[in-house]
C-alpha atoms as a PDB file:
ATOM      1  CA  MET A   1       0.000   0.000   0.000  1.00  0.00           C
ATOM      2  CA  VAL A   2       1.349   3.423  -0.946  1.00  0.00           C
ATOM      3  CA  ILE A   3       1.689   5.722   2.086  1.00  0.00           C
ATOM      4  CA  GLU A   4       3.183   8.792   0.434  1.00  0.00           C
ATOM      5  CA  VAL A   5       4.440  10.082  -2.905  1.00  0.00           C
ATOM      6  CA  SER A   6       6.779  13.032  -2.491  1.00  0.00           C
ATOM      7  CA  PRO A   7       8.476  15.313  -5.006  1.00  0.00           C
ATOM      8  CA  VAL A   8      12.194  15.876  -4.492  1.00  0.00           C
ATOM      9  CA  ILE A   9      14.710  18.647  -5.021  1.00  0.00           C
ATOM     10  CA  VAL A  10      17.800  17.143  -6.676  1.00  0.00           C
ATOM     11  CA  MET A  11      21.161  18.677  -5.813  1.00  0.00           C
ATOM     12  CA  ASN A  12      24.580  18.297  -7.407  1.00  0.00           C
ATOM     13  CA  GLN A  13      27.940  17.315  -5.890  1.00  0.00           C
ATOM     14  CA  LYS A  14      28.820  20.905  -4.944  1.00  0.00           C
ATOM     15  CA  ASP A  15      25.517  21.282  -3.052  1.00  0.00           C
ATOM     16  CA  ARG A  16      25.994  17.861  -1.467  1.00  0.00           C
ATOM     17  CA  LYS A  17      29.365  18.873   0.011  1.00  0.00           C
ATOM     18  CA  LEU A  18      27.760  21.931   1.592  1.00  0.00           C
ATOM     19  CA  LEU A  19      24.763  19.971   2.917  1.00  0.00           C
ATOM     20  CA  ASP A  20      27.057  17.360   4.442  1.00  0.00           C
ATOM     21  CA  GLN A  21      28.380  20.106   6.738  1.00  0.00           C
ATOM     22  CA  THR A  22      24.916  20.918   8.092  1.00  0.00           C
ATOM     23  CA  LEU A  23      22.145  19.233  10.069  1.00  0.00           C
ATOM     24  CA  LEU A  24      20.353  18.626   6.766  1.00  0.00           C
ATOM     25  CA  HIS A  25      22.895  15.843   6.094  1.00  0.00           C
ATOM     26  CA  ASP A  26      20.701  13.509   8.157  1.00  0.00           C
ATOM     27  CA  TYR A  27      17.633  14.224   6.006  1.00  0.00           C
ATOM     28  CA  ILE A  28      18.893  13.905   2.449  1.00  0.00           C
ATOM     29  CA  PHE A  29      18.873  10.825   0.220  1.00  0.00           C
ATOM     30  CA  GLU A  30      21.460   9.764  -2.331  1.00  0.00           C
ATOM     31  CA  TRP A  31      19.961  10.181  -5.776  1.00  0.00           C
ATOM     32  CA  GLY A  32      20.922   8.035  -8.743  1.00  0.00           C
ATOM     33  CA  ASP A  33      23.756   5.559  -9.134  1.00  0.00           C
ATOM     34  CA  SER A  34      26.429   7.866  -7.759  1.00  0.00           C
ATOM     35  CA  PRO A  35      26.723   9.474  -4.315  1.00  0.00           C
ATOM     36  CA  LYS A  36      27.593  12.714  -6.133  1.00  0.00           C
ATOM     37  CA  GLN A  37      23.940  13.714  -6.282  1.00  0.00           C
ATOM     38  CA  CYS A  38      21.456  13.879  -3.482  1.00  0.00           C
ATOM     39  CA  CYS A  39      17.897  14.963  -2.998  1.00  0.00           C
ATOM     40  CA  MET A  40      15.713  16.509  -0.354  1.00  0.00           C
ATOM     41  CA  ALA A  41      12.243  15.026  -0.319  1.00  0.00           C
ATOM     42  CA  MET A  42       9.294  17.226   0.407  1.00  0.00           C
ATOM     43  CA  GLY A  43       6.439  16.046   2.613  1.00  0.00           C
ATOM     44  CA  TYR A  44       7.066  13.651   5.509  1.00  0.00           C
ATOM     45  CA  VAL A  45       9.691  11.445   3.812  1.00  0.00           C
ATOM     46  CA  PRO A  46      12.712  12.953   5.652  1.00  0.00           C
ATOM     47  CA  LEU A  47      10.995  12.295   8.985  1.00  0.00           C
ATOM     48  CA  TYR A  48      10.572   8.514   8.746  1.00  0.00           C
ATOM     49  CA  ASN A  49      12.805   6.800  11.287  1.00  0.00           C
ATOM     50  CA  HIS A  50      15.199   4.000  10.398  1.00  0.00           C
ATOM     51  CA  SER A  51      14.890   0.347  11.312  1.00  0.00           C
ATOM     52  CA  PHE A  52      16.704  -2.711   9.983  1.00  0.00           C
ATOM     53  CA  ASN A  53      13.333  -4.389  10.576  1.00  0.00           C
ATOM     54  CA  SER A  54      11.322  -1.767   8.677  1.00  0.00           C
ATOM     55  CA  ASN A  55       7.659  -2.051   7.769  1.00  0.00           C
ATOM     56  CA  CYS A  56       7.909   0.285   4.754  1.00  0.00           C
ATOM     57  CA  GLU A  57      10.286   0.823   1.879  1.00  0.00           C
ATOM     58  CA  TYR A  58      11.008   3.689  -0.439  1.00  0.00           C
ATOM     59  CA  GLU A  59      11.369   3.686  -4.190  1.00  0.00           C
ATOM     60  CA  MET A  60      13.052   6.390  -6.207  1.00  0.00           C
ATOM     61  CA  GLU A  61      11.224   7.480  -9.348  1.00  0.00           C
ATOM     62  CA  TYR A  62      14.168   9.177 -11.085  1.00  0.00           C
ATOM     63  CA  ASP A  63      12.353  10.163 -14.286  1.00  0.00           C
ATOM     64  CA  GLU A  64       9.482  11.736 -12.350  1.00  0.00           C
ATOM     65  CA  GLY A  65      11.597  13.249  -9.541  1.00  0.00           C
ATOM     66  CA  LEU A  66       9.643  11.430  -6.815  1.00  0.00           C
ATOM     67  CA  ILE A  67      10.134   9.171  -3.807  1.00  0.00           C
ATOM     68  CA  ARG A  68       7.348   6.700  -3.085  1.00  0.00           C
ATOM     69  CA  ILE A  69       6.861   5.203   0.408  1.00  0.00           C
ATOM     70  CA  GLN A  70       4.944   1.936   0.556  1.00  0.00           C
ATOM     71  CA  THR A  71       4.275  -0.717   3.139  1.00  0.00           C
ATOM     72  CA  ILE A  72       5.923  -4.130   2.934  1.00  0.00           C
ATOM     73  CA  ARG A  73       3.483  -5.743   5.354  1.00  0.00           C
ATOM     74  CA  LYS A  74       0.245  -4.992   7.159  1.00  0.00           C
ATOM     75  CA  ILE A  75       0.601  -2.030   9.522  1.00  0.00           C
ATOM     76  CA  GLU A  76      -1.269  -2.171  12.818  1.00  0.00           C
ATOM     77  CA  LYS A  77      -3.181   0.842  14.120  1.00  0.00           C
ATOM     78  CA  GLY A  78      -0.826   3.089  16.119  1.00  0.00           C
ATOM     79  CA  GLU A  79       2.328   1.390  14.786  1.00  0.00           C
ATOM     80  CA  GLU A  80       5.188   3.703  13.799  1.00  0.00           C
ATOM     81  CA  LEU A  81       6.215   3.654  10.149  1.00  0.00           C
ATOM     82  CA  PHE A  82       9.894   2.821   9.562  1.00  0.00           C
ATOM     83  CA  ILE A  83      12.092   2.711   6.465  1.00  0.00           C
ATOM     84  CA  ASN A  84      15.537   1.187   6.118  1.00  0.00           C
ATOM     85  CA  TYR A  85      17.921   4.033   5.290  1.00  0.00           C
ATOM     86  CA  ASN A  86      20.028   1.622   3.223  1.00  0.00           C
ATOM     87  CA  GLY A  87      17.356   1.667   0.516  1.00  0.00           C
ATOM     88  CA  THR A  88      16.033  -1.887   0.769  1.00  0.00           C
ATOM     89  CA  PHE A  89      14.050  -3.183   3.717  1.00  0.00           C
ATOM     90  CA  ASN A  90      16.391  -6.125   4.405  1.00  0.00           C
ATOM     91  CA  ASN A  91      19.803  -4.423   4.018  1.00  0.00           C
ATOM     92  CA  THR A  92      21.663  -4.552   7.361  1.00  0.00           C
ATOM     93  CA  ALA A  93      24.836  -2.683   6.343  1.00  0.00           C
ATOM     94  CA  LEU A  94      26.018  -0.191   8.958  1.00  0.00           C
ATOM     95  CA  LEU A  95      24.920   3.397   8.479  1.00  0.00           C
ATOM     96  CA  TRP A  96      26.812   6.662   9.025  1.00  0.00           C
ATOM     97  CA  PHE A  97      25.394   6.997  12.550  1.00  0.00           C
ATOM     98  CA  ASN A  98      26.468   3.433  13.455  1.00  0.00           C
ATOM     99  CA  VAL A  99      30.118   3.935  12.483  1.00  0.00           C
ATOM    100  CA  LYS A 100      32.441   5.201  15.214  1.00  0.00           C
END
């Protein structure tokens, strides 16, 4: 089930370097096949919390400039919605906030 479809603002490598020095670093997504580009999603997308055991996933719609959030299982009433920041719901690779 689709939860949200959000337009994005795509930024280049120069913008990415600047954003990485700010608090916005934690709210951007890599965009495309290279970490040189990133995007800022509008709507609630930047606010979804991470879980390696997520109940939602996101899909990038590069041609349309959108991120789509959809459930991967039935969501119970009152349950928090989680995405896996690695891009796929079952990817358990360490994230930037796990690395010391």
